[in-house]
C-alpha cells in the first residue's frame, strides 16, 4: 500500500466518524451560533471536527491540522484541511446538500481528498495520480468543448455581484451557456467531476471548502483554479473549475476578453 493510500484510508475512517456524528444531529433541533464572519455554527460542526482531529492526530501526530471550527496548528509540510460540515446553512434547514470535507496538503499541493455527503449516501475521494472515485467507481469529466453547449453552475457570487464589470461579464456567460445552474457547496463539484456539469464558478470561498473537491475535479480530468486562472492555495477565495476543454474560454469570459 502506498503512502497516499494510507493517508486516504485514515481520511475515510475520519469521514465515517464525522458522518455518524453529523447524521445524529441532522434534522433535529439545534442551537445555532453566529461566528465572527456571520456564518452559522452548531454543536454538530464542532463535534464532527473534534472526531476528525482525534483520528488524524492519532495516526499522524507530526502532521498539522487546519479546521473550520478550531483553527490551525502544527506543521505545514503535511497539513490536513477540514470542513466538518460544509454547507451548514443547508444542514440547519434540513436540506441534504452538505458534506464532510477532508484533504491533505503536502508542501502546498493537495494530494488526498475526501468529500462525503451522508444525507444523500454519496462519497467521493481522490489521491494525486490515483484518479477520482464516486461511490467506489472511477469518474471522468465531460468532453463538452463549446460554451453554447455547456451547463455551468454558479455559487457564492456576492463578490462578483459587487463588481459592476464582473457582473456584466457574468451576464454574458448567462446568455451564452446552454444552461446556468446554482447547485452550490460540494454538489456541483461532484457533478462536474462525474461529467454531469461542464463548469463551476464561485467567489467567497475558502480553502477548507474546496481543497478536497479541487483534487477530485483534477483527478477526474478537469482543471481547477481561482478566477484569475491561478492554482489554489491557502489564500484562495474564488473558483473556476471546468472539464478542461472549456477553461480558457471561461477565463476569457470572466476577464472580458
C-alpha atoms as a PDB file:
ATOM      1  CA  UNK A   1       0.000   0.000   0.000  1.00  0.00           C
ATOM      2  CA  UNK A   2       1.362   3.409  -0.986  1.00  0.00           C
ATOM      3  CA  UNK A   3       1.777   6.247   1.477  1.00  0.00           C
ATOM      4  CA  UNK A   4      -1.042   8.183  -0.177  1.00  0.00           C
ATOM      5  CA  UNK A   5      -3.335   5.166   0.134  1.00  0.00           C
ATOM      6  CA  UNK A   6      -2.521   5.001   3.833  1.00  0.00           C
ATOM      7  CA  UNK A   7      -3.429   8.674   4.206  1.00  0.00           C
ATOM      8  CA  UNK A   8      -6.623   8.098   2.251  1.00  0.00           C
ATOM      9  CA  UNK A   9      -7.687   5.156   4.400  1.00  0.00           C
ATOM     10  CA  UNK A  10      -7.353   7.218   7.566  1.00  0.00           C
ATOM     11  CA  UNK A  11      -9.189  10.139   5.970  1.00  0.00           C
ATOM     12  CA  UNK A  12     -12.033   7.783   5.026  1.00  0.00           C
ATOM     13  CA  UNK A  13     -12.120   6.480   8.600  1.00  0.00           C
ATOM     14  CA  UNK A  14     -12.304  10.059   9.885  1.00  0.00           C
ATOM     15  CA  UNK A  15     -15.111  10.817   7.427  1.00  0.00           C
ATOM     16  CA  UNK A  16     -17.014   7.765   8.700  1.00  0.00           C
ATOM     17  CA  UNK A  17     -16.860   9.128  12.237  1.00  0.00           C
ATOM     18  CA  UNK A  18     -17.866  12.648  11.199  1.00  0.00           C
ATOM     19  CA  UNK A  19     -20.721  11.314   9.060  1.00  0.00           C
ATOM     20  CA  UNK A  20     -22.172   9.403  12.007  1.00  0.00           C
ATOM     21  CA  UNK A  21     -21.985  12.407  14.313  1.00  0.00           C
ATOM     22  CA  UNK A  22     -23.466  14.821  11.794  1.00  0.00           C
ATOM     23  CA  UNK A  23     -26.314  12.463  10.907  1.00  0.00           C
ATOM     24  CA  UNK A  24     -27.167  12.056  14.589  1.00  0.00           C
ATOM     25  CA  UNK A  25     -27.867  15.799  14.705  1.00  0.00           C
ATOM     26  CA  UNK A  26     -29.288  16.265  11.208  1.00  0.00           C
ATOM     27  CA  UNK A  27     -32.985  17.080  11.205  1.00  0.00           C
ATOM     28  CA  UNK A  28     -33.106  17.743  14.943  1.00  0.00           C
ATOM     29  CA  UNK A  29     -33.374  20.895  16.982  1.00  0.00           C
ATOM     30  CA  UNK A  30     -30.067  22.743  17.029  1.00  0.00           C
ATOM     31  CA  UNK A  31     -28.798  25.750  18.916  1.00  0.00           C
ATOM     32  CA  UNK A  32     -27.250  27.993  16.288  1.00  0.00           C
ATOM     33  CA  UNK A  33     -24.443  30.438  16.943  1.00  0.00           C
ATOM     34  CA  UNK A  34     -23.088  33.088  14.585  1.00  0.00           C
ATOM     35  CA  UNK A  35     -19.340  33.309  14.083  1.00  0.00           C
ATOM     36  CA  UNK A  36     -17.362  36.496  13.512  1.00  0.00           C
ATOM     37  CA  UNK A  37     -17.720  36.116   9.732  1.00  0.00           C
ATOM     38  CA  UNK A  38     -21.526  35.917  10.112  1.00  0.00           C
ATOM     39  CA  UNK A  39     -21.602  32.222   9.202  1.00  0.00           C
ATOM     40  CA  UNK A  40     -23.576  29.792  11.382  1.00  0.00           C
ATOM     41  CA  UNK A  41     -22.078  27.057  13.559  1.00  0.00           C
ATOM     42  CA  UNK A  42     -23.663  24.297  15.631  1.00  0.00           C
ATOM     43  CA  UNK A  43     -22.594  21.667  18.133  1.00  0.00           C
ATOM     44  CA  UNK A  44     -22.636  19.204  15.232  1.00  0.00           C
ATOM     45  CA  UNK A  45     -19.896  21.135  13.393  1.00  0.00           C
ATOM     46  CA  UNK A  46     -17.687  21.165  16.471  1.00  0.00           C
ATOM     47  CA  UNK A  47     -18.277  17.533  17.455  1.00  0.00           C
ATOM     48  CA  UNK A  48     -17.591  16.319  13.916  1.00  0.00           C
ATOM     49  CA  UNK A  49     -14.350  18.285  13.684  1.00  0.00           C
ATOM     50  CA  UNK A  50     -13.200  17.013  17.074  1.00  0.00           C
ATOM     51  CA  UNK A  51     -13.712  13.435  15.893  1.00  0.00           C
ATOM     52  CA  UNK A  52     -11.779  14.043  12.683  1.00  0.00           C
ATOM     53  CA  UNK A  53      -8.929  15.724  14.543  1.00  0.00           C
ATOM     54  CA  UNK A  54      -8.683  12.869  17.015  1.00  0.00           C
ATOM     55  CA  UNK A  55      -8.413  10.211  14.307  1.00  0.00           C
ATOM     56  CA  UNK A  56      -5.937  12.164  12.187  1.00  0.00           C
ATOM     57  CA  UNK A  57      -3.880  13.161  15.215  1.00  0.00           C
ATOM     58  CA  UNK A  58      -3.567   9.586  16.466  1.00  0.00           C
ATOM     59  CA  UNK A  59      -2.424   8.317  13.069  1.00  0.00           C
ATOM     60  CA  UNK A  60      -0.201  11.240  12.048  1.00  0.00           C
ATOM     61  CA  UNK A  61       0.972  13.121  15.144  1.00  0.00           C
ATOM     62  CA  UNK A  62       3.623  15.004  13.171  1.00  0.00           C
ATOM     63  CA  UNK A  63       1.098  16.450  10.705  1.00  0.00           C
ATOM     64  CA  UNK A  64      -0.556  19.835  11.042  1.00  0.00           C
ATOM     65  CA  UNK A  65      -4.322  20.334  11.076  1.00  0.00           C
ATOM     66  CA  UNK A  66      -6.329  23.331   9.877  1.00  0.00           C
ATOM     67  CA  UNK A  67     -10.037  23.092  10.661  1.00  0.00           C
ATOM     68  CA  UNK A  68     -13.031  25.349  10.174  1.00  0.00           C
ATOM     69  CA  UNK A  69     -14.001  25.409  13.850  1.00  0.00           C
ATOM     70  CA  UNK A  70     -10.716  25.097  15.781  1.00  0.00           C
ATOM     71  CA  UNK A  71      -8.146  26.770  13.561  1.00  0.00           C
ATOM     72  CA  UNK A  72      -4.649  25.771  12.514  1.00  0.00           C
ATOM     73  CA  UNK A  73      -1.816  24.161  14.459  1.00  0.00           C
ATOM     74  CA  UNK A  74       1.253  22.105  13.709  1.00  0.00           C
ATOM     75  CA  UNK A  75       3.381  21.525  10.639  1.00  0.00           C
ATOM     76  CA  UNK A  76       2.580  22.999   7.245  1.00  0.00           C
ATOM     77  CA  UNK A  77       4.716  20.400   5.450  1.00  0.00           C
ATOM     78  CA  UNK A  78       1.803  17.975   5.735  1.00  0.00           C
ATOM     79  CA  UNK A  79      -1.363  19.890   6.581  1.00  0.00           C
ATOM     80  CA  UNK A  80      -4.825  18.373   6.930  1.00  0.00           C
ATOM     81  CA  UNK A  81      -7.639  20.689   5.864  1.00  0.00           C
ATOM     82  CA  UNK A  82     -11.044  20.078   7.447  1.00  0.00           C
ATOM     83  CA  UNK A  83     -14.521  21.470   6.990  1.00  0.00           C
ATOM     84  CA  UNK A  84     -16.573  19.168   9.228  1.00  0.00           C
ATOM     85  CA  UNK A  85     -19.905  20.308   7.790  1.00  0.00           C
ATOM     86  CA  UNK A  86     -19.535  22.255   4.585  1.00  0.00           C
ATOM     87  CA  UNK A  87     -22.966  23.703   3.920  1.00  0.00           C
ATOM     88  CA  UNK A  88     -24.020  24.386   7.495  1.00  0.00           C
ATOM     89  CA  UNK A  89     -26.913  26.558   6.292  1.00  0.00           C
ATOM     90  CA  UNK A  90     -28.323  23.592   4.371  1.00  0.00           C
ATOM     91  CA  UNK A  91     -27.672  21.348   7.373  1.00  0.00           C
ATOM     92  CA  UNK A  92     -29.580  23.677   9.689  1.00  0.00           C
ATOM     93  CA  UNK A  93     -32.545  23.917   7.340  1.00  0.00           C
ATOM     94  CA  UNK A  94     -32.833  20.167   6.856  1.00  0.00           C
ATOM     95  CA  UNK A  95     -31.548  20.168   3.274  1.00  0.00           C
ATOM     96  CA  UNK A  96     -29.251  17.256   2.330  1.00  0.00           C
ATOM     97  CA  UNK A  97     -26.748  19.329   0.353  1.00  0.00           C
ATOM     98  CA  UNK A  98     -23.963  19.422   2.944  1.00  0.00           C
ATOM     99  CA  UNK A  99     -20.805  17.382   3.258  1.00  0.00           C
ATOM    100  CA  UNK A 100     -17.757  16.468   5.288  1.00  0.00           C
ATOM    101  CA  UNK A 101     -14.589  17.755   3.613  1.00  0.00           C
ATOM    102  CA  UNK A 102     -11.150  16.347   4.456  1.00  0.00           C
ATOM    103  CA  UNK A 103      -7.972  16.950   2.456  1.00  0.00           C
ATOM    104  CA  UNK A 104      -4.231  16.594   2.904  1.00  0.00           C
ATOM    105  CA  UNK A 105      -1.948  19.285   1.513  1.00  0.00           C
ATOM    106  CA  UNK A 106       1.706  18.266   1.126  1.00  0.00           C
ATOM    107  CA  UNK A 107       4.143  21.118   0.543  1.00  0.00           C
ATOM    108  CA  UNK A 108       1.303  23.319  -0.655  1.00  0.00           C
ATOM    109  CA  UNK A 109      -0.229  20.735  -3.001  1.00  0.00           C
ATOM    110  CA  UNK A 110      -3.431  18.811  -2.279  1.00  0.00           C
ATOM    111  CA  UNK A 111      -2.643  15.088  -2.513  1.00  0.00           C
ATOM    112  CA  UNK A 112      -5.603  13.416  -0.766  1.00  0.00           C
ATOM    113  CA  UNK A 113      -9.244  14.460  -0.753  1.00  0.00           C
ATOM    114  CA  UNK A 114     -12.451  13.017   0.686  1.00  0.00           C
ATOM    115  CA  UNK A 115     -15.872  14.583   0.133  1.00  0.00           C
ATOM    116  CA  UNK A 116     -18.610  12.727   1.994  1.00  0.00           C
ATOM    117  CA  UNK A 117     -22.327  13.554   1.783  1.00  0.00           C
ATOM    118  CA  UNK A 118     -24.059  11.132   4.165  1.00  0.00           C
ATOM    119  CA  UNK A 119     -27.528  12.681   3.902  1.00  0.00           C
ATOM    120  CA  UNK A 120     -27.548  11.666   0.238  1.00  0.00           C
ATOM    121  CA  UNK A 121     -25.496   8.495   0.723  1.00  0.00           C
ATOM    122  CA  UNK A 122     -22.733   9.782  -1.540  1.00  0.00           C
ATOM    123  CA  UNK A 123     -18.979   9.825  -1.110  1.00  0.00           C
ATOM    124  CA  UNK A 124     -16.171  10.879  -3.443  1.00  0.00           C
ATOM    125  CA  UNK A 125     -12.426  10.689  -2.989  1.00  0.00           C
ATOM    126  CA  UNK A 126      -9.168  11.106  -4.870  1.00  0.00           C
ATOM    127  CA  UNK A 127      -5.421  10.807  -4.478  1.00  0.00           C
ATOM    128  CA  UNK A 128      -2.796  12.629  -6.515  1.00  0.00           C
ATOM    129  CA  UNK A 129      -2.106  10.486  -9.562  1.00  0.00           C
ATOM    130  CA  UNK A 130      -4.606   7.869  -8.435  1.00  0.00           C
ATOM    131  CA  UNK A 131      -7.751   9.090 -10.157  1.00  0.00           C
ATOM    132  CA  UNK A 132     -11.115  10.137  -8.778  1.00  0.00           C
ATOM    133  CA  UNK A 133     -13.843   7.904  -7.392  1.00  0.00           C
ATOM    134  CA  UNK A 134     -17.518   8.404  -6.626  1.00  0.00           C
ATOM    135  CA  UNK A 135     -19.165   5.686  -4.543  1.00  0.00           C
ATOM    136  CA  UNK A 136     -16.361   3.314  -5.430  1.00  0.00           C
ATOM    137  CA  UNK A 137     -16.456   3.843  -9.208  1.00  0.00           C
ATOM    138  CA  UNK A 138     -13.994   5.839 -11.340  1.00  0.00           C
ATOM    139  CA  UNK A 139     -15.368   9.102 -12.682  1.00  0.00           C
ATOM    140  CA  UNK A 140     -14.421  11.411 -15.526  1.00  0.00           C
ATOM    141  CA  UNK A 141     -15.316  14.946 -16.563  1.00  0.00           C
ATOM    142  CA  UNK A 142     -17.365  15.687 -19.675  1.00  0.00           C
ATOM    143  CA  UNK A 143     -15.994  16.340 -23.147  1.00  0.00           C
ATOM    144  CA  UNK A 144     -18.107  19.429 -23.855  1.00  0.00           C
ATOM    145  CA  UNK A 145     -15.950  21.916 -25.749  1.00  0.00           C
ATOM    146  CA  UNK A 146     -18.255  24.842 -26.587  1.00  0.00           C
ATOM    147  CA  UNK A 147     -19.887  27.329 -24.242  1.00  0.00           C
ATOM    148  CA  UNK A 148     -23.185  27.217 -26.100  1.00  0.00           C
ATOM    149  CA  UNK A 149     -23.404  23.507 -25.245  1.00  0.00           C
ATOM    150  CA  UNK A 150     -22.183  23.863 -21.667  1.00  0.00           C
ATOM    151  CA  UNK A 151     -24.023  23.512 -18.378  1.00  0.00           C
ATOM    152  CA  UNK A 152     -22.425  25.864 -15.836  1.00  0.00           C
ATOM    153  CA  UNK A 153     -23.181  26.100 -12.113  1.00  0.00           C
ATOM    154  CA  UNK A 154     -22.719  29.324 -10.152  1.00  0.00           C
ATOM    155  CA  UNK A 155     -22.343  29.749  -6.397  1.00  0.00           C
ATOM    156  CA  UNK A 156     -21.406  32.306  -3.708  1.00  0.00           C
ATOM    157  CA  UNK A 157     -21.420  35.278  -6.062  1.00  0.00           C
ATOM    158  CA  UNK A 158     -21.556  38.170  -3.585  1.00  0.00           C
ATOM    159  CA  UNK A 159     -18.116  39.494  -4.534  1.00  0.00           C
ATOM    160  CA  UNK A 160     -18.845  39.321  -8.252  1.00  0.00           C
ATOM    161  CA  UNK A 161     -22.234  40.963  -7.757  1.00  0.00           C
ATOM    162  CA  UNK A 162     -20.493  43.890  -6.080  1.00  0.00           C
ATOM    163  CA  UNK A 163     -18.257  44.476  -9.115  1.00  0.00           C
ATOM    164  CA  UNK A 164     -20.213  46.076 -11.971  1.00  0.00           C
ATOM    165  CA  UNK A 165     -17.778  44.982 -14.680  1.00  0.00           C
ATOM    166  CA  UNK A 166     -17.516  41.423 -13.365  1.00  0.00           C
ATOM    167  CA  UNK A 167     -21.291  41.207 -13.083  1.00  0.00           C
ATOM    168  CA  UNK A 168     -21.794  42.369 -16.689  1.00  0.00           C
ATOM    169  CA  UNK A 169     -19.278  39.770 -17.892  1.00  0.00           C
ATOM    170  CA  UNK A 170     -21.134  37.113 -15.968  1.00  0.00           C
ATOM    171  CA  UNK A 171     -24.328  38.218 -17.716  1.00  0.00           C
ATOM    172  CA  UNK A 172     -22.581  37.458 -20.999  1.00  0.00           C
ATOM    173  CA  UNK A 173     -21.998  33.916 -19.811  1.00  0.00           C
ATOM    174  CA  UNK A 174     -25.629  33.541 -18.736  1.00  0.00           C
ATOM    175  CA  UNK A 175     -26.776  34.394 -22.255  1.00  0.00           C
ATOM    176  CA  UNK A 176     -24.125  32.198 -23.929  1.00  0.00           C
ATOM    177  CA  UNK A 177     -24.133  28.922 -21.990  1.00  0.00           C
ATOM    178  CA  UNK A 178     -26.702  26.216 -22.696  1.00  0.00           C
ATOM    179  CA  UNK A 179     -27.795  26.135 -19.062  1.00  0.00           C
ATOM    180  CA  UNK A 180     -26.937  28.055 -15.914  1.00  0.00           C
ATOM    181  CA  UNK A 181     -27.483  26.226 -12.639  1.00  0.00           C
ATOM    182  CA  UNK A 182     -26.917  27.099  -8.994  1.00  0.00           C
ATOM    183  CA  UNK A 183     -26.298  23.874  -7.131  1.00  0.00           C
ATOM    184  CA  UNK A 184     -23.753  25.177  -4.618  1.00  0.00           C
ATOM    185  CA  UNK A 185     -21.489  23.659  -1.961  1.00  0.00           C
ATOM    186  CA  UNK A 186     -19.997  20.237  -2.728  1.00  0.00           C
ATOM    187  CA  UNK A 187     -22.811  19.156  -5.062  1.00  0.00           C
ATOM    188  CA  UNK A 188     -21.788  20.942  -8.242  1.00  0.00           C
ATOM    189  CA  UNK A 189     -18.172  19.782  -7.938  1.00  0.00           C
ATOM    190  CA  UNK A 190     -19.255  16.155  -7.684  1.00  0.00           C
ATOM    191  CA  UNK A 191     -21.387  16.677 -10.783  1.00  0.00           C
ATOM    192  CA  UNK A 192     -18.522  18.350 -12.636  1.00  0.00           C
ATOM    193  CA  UNK A 193     -16.138  15.525 -11.767  1.00  0.00           C
ATOM    194  CA  UNK A 194     -18.562  12.841 -12.973  1.00  0.00           C
ATOM    195  CA  UNK A 195     -19.459  14.662 -16.194  1.00  0.00           C
ATOM    196  CA  UNK A 196     -22.887  15.984 -15.189  1.00  0.00           C
ATOM    197  CA  UNK A 197     -21.760  19.625 -15.417  1.00  0.00           C
ATOM    198  CA  UNK A 198     -19.124  21.347 -17.512  1.00  0.00           C
ATOM    199  CA  UNK A 199     -18.003  24.196 -15.256  1.00  0.00           C
ATOM    200  CA  UNK A 200     -18.362  25.840 -11.853  1.00  0.00           C
ATOM    201  CA  UNK A 201     -17.800  29.498 -10.938  1.00  0.00           C
ATOM    202  CA  UNK A 202     -17.729  30.691  -7.340  1.00  0.00           C
ATOM    203  CA  UNK A 203     -16.471  33.599  -5.279  1.00  0.00           C
ATOM    204  CA  UNK A 204     -16.420  33.962  -1.492  1.00  0.00           C
ATOM    205  CA  UNK A 205     -14.999  30.522  -0.726  1.00  0.00           C
ATOM    206  CA  UNK A 206     -12.054  29.409   1.390  1.00  0.00           C
ATOM    207  CA  UNK A 207      -9.561  26.604   1.023  1.00  0.00           C
ATOM    208  CA  UNK A 208     -11.337  24.394   3.556  1.00  0.00           C
ATOM    209  CA  UNK A 209     -14.458  24.431   1.363  1.00  0.00           C
ATOM    210  CA  UNK A 210     -12.689  23.380  -1.812  1.00  0.00           C
ATOM    211  CA  UNK A 211      -9.397  21.573  -1.133  1.00  0.00           C
ATOM    212  CA  UNK A 212     -10.719  18.007  -1.407  1.00  0.00           C
ATOM    213  CA  UNK A 213     -13.028  18.991  -4.266  1.00  0.00           C
ATOM    214  CA  UNK A 214     -10.169  20.548  -6.229  1.00  0.00           C
ATOM    215  CA  UNK A 215      -8.330  17.242  -6.250  1.00  0.00           C
ATOM    216  CA  UNK A 216     -11.488  15.351  -7.143  1.00  0.00           C
ATOM    217  CA  UNK A 217     -12.020  17.526 -10.213  1.00  0.00           C
ATOM    218  CA  UNK A 218      -8.408  17.491 -11.395  1.00  0.00           C
ATOM    219  CA  UNK A 219      -8.029  13.737 -10.921  1.00  0.00           C
ATOM    220  CA  UNK A 220     -11.209  13.304 -12.967  1.00  0.00           C
ATOM    221  CA  UNK A 221      -9.502  15.168 -15.811  1.00  0.00           C
ATOM    222  CA  UNK A 222     -10.661  18.723 -15.116  1.00  0.00           C
ATOM    223  CA  UNK A 223      -8.922  21.992 -14.307  1.00  0.00           C
ATOM    224  CA  UNK A 224      -9.437  23.805 -11.010  1.00  0.00           C
ATOM    225  CA  UNK A 225      -8.083  27.321 -10.496  1.00  0.00           C
ATOM    226  CA  UNK A 226      -9.182  30.611  -8.989  1.00  0.00           C
ATOM    227  CA  UNK A 227     -10.972  33.167 -11.163  1.00  0.00           C
ATOM    228  CA  UNK A 228      -7.616  34.594 -12.273  1.00  0.00           C
ATOM    229  CA  UNK A 229      -6.510  31.188 -13.505  1.00  0.00           C
ATOM    230  CA  UNK A 230      -4.037  30.715 -10.659  1.00  0.00           C
ATOM    231  CA  UNK A 231      -3.539  27.430  -8.763  1.00  0.00           C
ATOM    232  CA  UNK A 232      -5.346  27.195  -5.446  1.00  0.00           C
ATOM    233  CA  UNK A 233      -3.529  27.704  -2.162  1.00  0.00           C
ATOM    234  CA  UNK A 234      -4.348  28.533   1.446  1.00  0.00           C
ATOM    235  CA  UNK A 235      -5.401  32.062   0.452  1.00  0.00           C
ATOM    236  CA  UNK A 236      -7.735  31.140  -2.412  1.00  0.00           C
ATOM    237  CA  UNK A 237     -11.165  32.817  -2.284  1.00  0.00           C
ATOM    238  CA  UNK A 238     -12.643  32.085  -5.730  1.00  0.00           C
ATOM    239  CA  UNK A 239     -13.015  29.171  -8.131  1.00  0.00           C
ATOM    240  CA  UNK A 240     -13.094  28.500 -11.833  1.00  0.00           C
ATOM    241  CA  UNK A 241     -13.397  24.740 -12.284  1.00  0.00           C
ATOM    242  CA  UNK A 242     -14.054  23.108 -15.646  1.00  0.00           C
ATOM    243  CA  UNK A 243     -13.826  19.913 -17.652  1.00  0.00           C
ATOM    244  CA  UNK A 244     -10.523  21.355 -19.028  1.00  0.00           C
ATOM    245  CA  UNK A 245     -11.759  21.911 -22.589  1.00  0.00           C
ATOM    246  CA  UNK A 246     -13.694  24.996 -21.504  1.00  0.00           C
ATOM    247  CA  UNK A 247     -11.217  26.512 -19.085  1.00  0.00           C
ATOM    248  CA  UNK A 248      -9.560  29.084 -21.317  1.00  0.00           C
ATOM    249  CA  UNK A 249     -12.921  30.033 -22.825  1.00  0.00           C
ATOM    250  CA  UNK A 250     -14.463  30.665 -19.425  1.00  0.00           C
ATOM    251  CA  UNK A 251     -11.398  32.601 -18.310  1.00  0.00           C
ATOM    252  CA  UNK A 252     -11.829  34.821 -21.352  1.00  0.00           C
ATOM    253  CA  UNK A 253     -15.464  35.481 -20.410  1.00  0.00           C
ATOM    254  CA  UNK A 254     -14.630  36.197 -16.788  1.00  0.00           C
ATOM    255  CA  UNK A 255     -11.935  38.684 -17.795  1.00  0.00           C
ATOM    256  CA  UNK A 256     -13.873  40.288 -20.625  1.00  0.00           C
ATOM    257  CA  UNK A 257     -11.706  39.020 -23.483  1.00  0.00           C
END
